[in-house]
Every structure is written in structure tokens, then in C-alpha cells.
Amino acid sequence: MMESYITIYTEEEALPADSAMNEVNLSLHGANRFLERNIPLEAVEGVRHLLPLLNDKPLKFRYKGVQVVARLVNGSPRIITAWRVPPPQ
């Protein structure tokens, strides 16, 4: 089973050249949202599924009840922000 890694970088920091594509980074805002809002880590799985669609423009998508905004930064996926979406009534 592959382990998941979450690495937090500021916008000014460069990513290591040998970073693996299974690594999903969080912006400081994204990390704060995960901690303060109890965002499930399944959002990271959603970013991995949509990796072929990511580019330098932010992509907003919904995955397992979580709205996620992510983009590629220096070739690695980065979650900008995330929040829970209430189930439809």
C-alpha cells in the first residue's frame, strides 16, 4: 500500500526537483482549512484522481462531500483551499 504524504510549502519556497508525483502539497491557507475545519484527507485522493487535469490555473471540484481548489505549482499538485459541502436535501 502506498503511503500518503502531505507537505506544506509557502508560495516562495521551491519544491525539491525529485519530489514524487504521489505527494500533494498544501498552501498555508489550505493546511489551515484542513486543521480548523476538519476536512477529511479523502480530498487529497481527489486531487490525485484529477492530476491529469491540473495546470497552473486553479481547478475547483467536489469530491466525497468536499469542495477543493487545487493547481500545479512547480509540477506538483497543491491544494489551495477546501471546505465541506452539505449533502443535498
N, C-alpha and C. Protein backbone atom coordinates (compact mmCIF):
# COMPACT_ATOMS: atom_id res chain seq x y z
N MET A 1 0.83 -1.17 0.00
CA MET A 1 0.00 0.00 0.00
C MET A 1 0.88 1.24 0.00
N MET A 2 0.58 2.20 -0.86
CA MET A 2 1.36 3.41 -0.96
C MET A 2 1.02 4.37 0.16
N GLU A 3 2.02 4.95 0.79
CA GLU A 3 1.78 5.92 1.86
C GLU A 3 1.49 7.28 1.28
N SER A 4 0.66 8.06 1.98
CA SER A 4 0.36 9.42 1.55
C SER A 4 1.21 10.39 2.34
N TYR A 5 1.70 11.40 1.66
CA TYR A 5 2.47 12.45 2.31
C TYR A 5 1.83 13.79 2.01
N ILE A 6 1.71 14.62 3.01
CA ILE A 6 1.23 15.98 2.84
C ILE A 6 2.35 16.89 3.27
N THR A 7 2.80 17.74 2.37
CA THR A 7 3.89 18.66 2.63
C THR A 7 3.37 20.08 2.51
N ILE A 8 3.71 20.94 3.43
CA ILE A 8 3.27 22.32 3.41
C ILE A 8 4.42 23.20 2.98
N TYR A 9 4.22 23.95 1.90
CA TYR A 9 5.21 24.89 1.39
C TYR A 9 4.57 26.27 1.30
N THR A 10 5.34 27.30 1.53
CA THR A 10 4.86 28.65 1.25
C THR A 10 5.05 28.90 -0.23
N GLU A 11 4.40 29.93 -0.76
CA GLU A 11 4.49 30.23 -2.18
C GLU A 11 5.92 30.55 -2.60
N GLU A 12 6.74 31.09 -1.69
CA GLU A 12 8.09 31.49 -2.03
C GLU A 12 9.06 30.32 -2.10
N GLU A 13 8.74 29.21 -1.46
CA GLU A 13 9.66 28.08 -1.42
C GLU A 13 9.57 27.27 -2.70
N ALA A 14 10.71 26.87 -3.19
CA ALA A 14 10.75 26.00 -4.37
C ALA A 14 10.62 24.55 -3.92
N LEU A 15 10.00 23.77 -4.76
CA LEU A 15 9.85 22.35 -4.45
C LEU A 15 11.12 21.61 -4.82
N PRO A 16 11.46 20.55 -4.10
CA PRO A 16 12.62 19.75 -4.48
C PRO A 16 12.42 19.16 -5.88
N ALA A 17 13.49 19.09 -6.63
CA ALA A 17 13.41 18.60 -8.01
C ALA A 17 12.98 17.14 -8.07
N ASP A 18 13.30 16.36 -7.05
CA ASP A 18 12.98 14.93 -7.08
C ASP A 18 11.69 14.61 -6.34
N SER A 19 10.80 15.60 -6.17
CA SER A 19 9.56 15.32 -5.45
C SER A 19 8.71 14.33 -6.25
N ALA A 20 8.12 13.40 -5.55
CA ALA A 20 7.32 12.36 -6.20
C ALA A 20 5.95 12.91 -6.55
N MET A 21 5.36 12.42 -7.62
CA MET A 21 4.05 12.89 -8.02
C MET A 21 2.95 12.37 -7.10
N ASN A 22 3.26 11.42 -6.21
CA ASN A 22 2.24 10.97 -5.27
C ASN A 22 2.16 11.91 -4.07
N GLU A 23 2.99 12.94 -4.07
CA GLU A 23 2.98 13.92 -2.99
C GLU A 23 2.04 15.06 -3.36
N VAL A 24 1.13 15.40 -2.45
CA VAL A 24 0.21 16.52 -2.66
C VAL A 24 0.56 17.57 -1.62
N ASN A 25 0.81 18.79 -2.08
CA ASN A 25 1.19 19.88 -1.19
C ASN A 25 -0.03 20.70 -0.81
N LEU A 26 0.11 21.42 0.29
CA LEU A 26 -0.94 22.33 0.74
C LEU A 26 -0.37 23.73 0.85
N SER A 27 -1.14 24.71 0.42
CA SER A 27 -0.75 26.08 0.71
C SER A 27 -0.97 26.29 2.21
N LEU A 28 -0.46 27.37 2.75
CA LEU A 28 -0.68 27.64 4.17
C LEU A 28 -2.17 27.77 4.47
N HIS A 29 -2.90 28.43 3.58
CA HIS A 29 -4.34 28.56 3.76
C HIS A 29 -5.02 27.19 3.71
N GLY A 30 -4.60 26.37 2.74
CA GLY A 30 -5.17 25.03 2.62
C GLY A 30 -4.91 24.18 3.86
N ALA A 31 -3.70 24.25 4.38
CA ALA A 31 -3.36 23.49 5.59
C ALA A 31 -4.20 23.97 6.77
N ASN A 32 -4.36 25.27 6.86
CA ASN A 32 -5.16 25.84 7.94
C ASN A 32 -6.61 25.37 7.83
N ARG A 33 -7.15 25.33 6.62
CA ARG A 33 -8.53 24.86 6.42
C ARG A 33 -8.67 23.40 6.84
N PHE A 34 -7.69 22.56 6.47
CA PHE A 34 -7.75 21.15 6.85
C PHE A 34 -7.80 21.00 8.36
N LEU A 35 -6.99 21.77 9.06
CA LEU A 35 -6.91 21.65 10.52
C LEU A 35 -8.12 22.26 11.22
N GLU A 36 -8.50 23.46 10.83
CA GLU A 36 -9.58 24.16 11.54
C GLU A 36 -10.96 23.65 11.19
N ARG A 37 -11.16 23.17 9.98
CA ARG A 37 -12.49 22.77 9.53
C ARG A 37 -12.67 21.26 9.47
N ASN A 38 -11.69 20.51 9.95
CA ASN A 38 -11.77 19.04 9.94
C ASN A 38 -12.10 18.49 8.56
N ILE A 39 -11.34 18.94 7.56
CA ILE A 39 -11.53 18.47 6.20
C ILE A 39 -10.96 17.05 6.11
N PRO A 40 -11.73 16.09 5.60
CA PRO A 40 -11.22 14.72 5.51
C PRO A 40 -10.07 14.61 4.51
N LEU A 41 -9.14 13.72 4.79
CA LEU A 41 -7.99 13.54 3.92
C LEU A 41 -8.34 12.91 2.58
N GLU A 42 -9.59 12.50 2.41
CA GLU A 42 -10.01 11.99 1.11
C GLU A 42 -9.90 13.06 0.03
N ALA A 43 -9.87 14.33 0.42
CA ALA A 43 -9.70 15.41 -0.55
C ALA A 43 -8.37 15.26 -1.28
N VAL A 44 -7.36 14.76 -0.60
CA VAL A 44 -6.06 14.52 -1.23
C VAL A 44 -6.20 13.45 -2.31
N GLU A 45 -6.99 12.44 -2.03
CA GLU A 45 -7.24 11.37 -3.01
C GLU A 45 -7.91 11.95 -4.26
N GLY A 46 -8.83 12.89 -4.07
CA GLY A 46 -9.49 13.53 -5.20
C GLY A 46 -8.51 14.30 -6.07
N VAL A 47 -7.54 14.96 -5.45
CA VAL A 47 -6.53 15.68 -6.22
C VAL A 47 -5.71 14.70 -7.04
N ARG A 48 -5.37 13.58 -6.48
CA ARG A 48 -4.60 12.57 -7.23
C ARG A 48 -5.38 12.05 -8.44
N HIS A 49 -6.69 11.87 -8.28
CA HIS A 49 -7.50 11.39 -9.40
C HIS A 49 -7.55 12.41 -10.53
N LEU A 50 -7.54 13.69 -10.19
CA LEU A 50 -7.66 14.73 -11.21
C LEU A 50 -6.32 15.31 -11.63
N LEU A 51 -5.24 14.67 -11.25
CA LEU A 51 -3.90 15.17 -11.57
C LEU A 51 -3.71 15.46 -13.06
N PRO A 52 -4.21 14.62 -13.98
CA PRO A 52 -4.02 14.94 -15.41
C PRO A 52 -4.72 16.23 -15.85
N LEU A 53 -5.72 16.68 -15.09
CA LEU A 53 -6.44 17.90 -15.45
C LEU A 53 -5.84 19.16 -14.85
N LEU A 54 -4.94 19.01 -13.89
CA LEU A 54 -4.39 20.16 -13.20
C LEU A 54 -3.37 20.89 -14.05
N ASN A 55 -3.36 22.21 -13.95
CA ASN A 55 -2.33 23.04 -14.55
C ASN A 55 -2.12 24.24 -13.62
N ASP A 56 -1.53 25.32 -14.12
CA ASP A 56 -1.23 26.44 -13.23
C ASP A 56 -2.46 27.27 -12.87
N LYS A 57 -3.59 27.02 -13.54
CA LYS A 57 -4.83 27.70 -13.19
C LYS A 57 -5.55 26.87 -12.12
N PRO A 58 -6.12 27.52 -11.10
CA PRO A 58 -6.84 26.77 -10.07
C PRO A 58 -8.05 26.01 -10.64
N LEU A 59 -8.20 24.78 -10.21
CA LEU A 59 -9.32 23.93 -10.60
C LEU A 59 -10.17 23.67 -9.37
N LYS A 60 -11.46 23.97 -9.47
CA LYS A 60 -12.38 23.74 -8.36
C LYS A 60 -13.23 22.52 -8.67
N PHE A 61 -13.27 21.57 -7.72
CA PHE A 61 -14.04 20.35 -7.92
C PHE A 61 -14.57 19.85 -6.58
N ARG A 62 -15.54 18.97 -6.66
CA ARG A 62 -16.15 18.38 -5.47
C ARG A 62 -15.80 16.90 -5.44
N TYR A 63 -15.38 16.41 -4.27
CA TYR A 63 -15.02 15.00 -4.13
C TYR A 63 -15.42 14.54 -2.73
N LYS A 64 -16.30 13.56 -2.67
CA LYS A 64 -16.75 12.95 -1.42
C LYS A 64 -17.17 13.99 -0.39
N GLY A 65 -18.00 14.93 -0.81
CA GLY A 65 -18.55 15.92 0.12
C GLY A 65 -17.62 17.06 0.47
N VAL A 66 -16.51 17.19 -0.26
CA VAL A 66 -15.56 18.27 0.00
C VAL A 66 -15.34 19.05 -1.30
N GLN A 67 -15.49 20.37 -1.24
CA GLN A 67 -15.16 21.23 -2.36
C GLN A 67 -13.68 21.57 -2.25
N VAL A 68 -12.91 21.35 -3.32
CA VAL A 68 -11.46 21.53 -3.29
C VAL A 68 -11.06 22.46 -4.42
N VAL A 69 -10.09 23.33 -4.14
CA VAL A 69 -9.47 24.15 -5.17
C VAL A 69 -7.99 23.78 -5.17
N ALA A 70 -7.50 23.32 -6.32
CA ALA A 70 -6.11 22.86 -6.43
C ALA A 70 -5.52 23.32 -7.76
N ARG A 71 -4.19 23.32 -7.83
CA ARG A 71 -3.49 23.66 -9.07
C ARG A 71 -2.10 23.04 -9.01
N LEU A 72 -1.38 23.10 -10.12
CA LEU A 72 0.00 22.64 -10.15
C LEU A 72 0.93 23.80 -9.82
N VAL A 73 1.89 23.56 -8.95
CA VAL A 73 2.92 24.54 -8.62
C VAL A 73 4.26 23.84 -8.78
N ASN A 74 5.07 24.31 -9.70
CA ASN A 74 6.36 23.70 -9.99
C ASN A 74 6.24 22.20 -10.28
N GLY A 75 5.17 21.81 -10.93
CA GLY A 75 4.99 20.42 -11.33
C GLY A 75 4.35 19.51 -10.29
N SER A 76 4.07 20.01 -9.10
CA SER A 76 3.43 19.20 -8.07
C SER A 76 2.04 19.75 -7.74
N PRO A 77 1.09 18.86 -7.47
CA PRO A 77 -0.25 19.34 -7.13
C PRO A 77 -0.26 20.02 -5.76
N ARG A 78 -1.00 21.11 -5.67
CA ARG A 78 -1.11 21.85 -4.40
C ARG A 78 -2.57 22.19 -4.16
N ILE A 79 -3.06 21.85 -2.96
CA ILE A 79 -4.41 22.22 -2.56
C ILE A 79 -4.35 23.64 -2.02
N ILE A 80 -5.14 24.52 -2.64
CA ILE A 80 -5.19 25.91 -2.21
C ILE A 80 -6.14 26.07 -1.04
N THR A 81 -7.32 25.49 -1.17
CA THR A 81 -8.30 25.56 -0.10
C THR A 81 -9.28 24.40 -0.24
N ALA A 82 -10.02 24.13 0.81
CA ALA A 82 -11.03 23.07 0.80
C ALA A 82 -12.07 23.37 1.86
N TRP A 83 -13.30 22.94 1.61
CA TRP A 83 -14.35 23.11 2.59
C TRP A 83 -15.40 22.02 2.37
N ARG A 84 -16.10 21.69 3.43
CA ARG A 84 -17.16 20.68 3.36
C ARG A 84 -18.38 21.27 2.67
N VAL A 85 -19.06 20.42 1.92
CA VAL A 85 -20.29 20.82 1.23
C VAL A 85 -21.42 20.04 1.87
N PRO A 86 -22.47 20.72 2.32
CA PRO A 86 -23.58 19.97 2.92
C PRO A 86 -24.25 19.06 1.89
N PRO A 87 -24.71 17.90 2.32
CA PRO A 87 -25.38 16.99 1.38
C PRO A 87 -26.66 17.62 0.85
N PRO A 88 -27.03 17.29 -0.39
CA PRO A 88 -28.28 17.84 -0.95
C PRO A 88 -29.49 17.32 -0.16
N GLN A 89 -30.48 18.18 -0.06
CA GLN A 89 -31.67 17.81 0.72
C GLN A 89 -32.83 17.48 -0.16
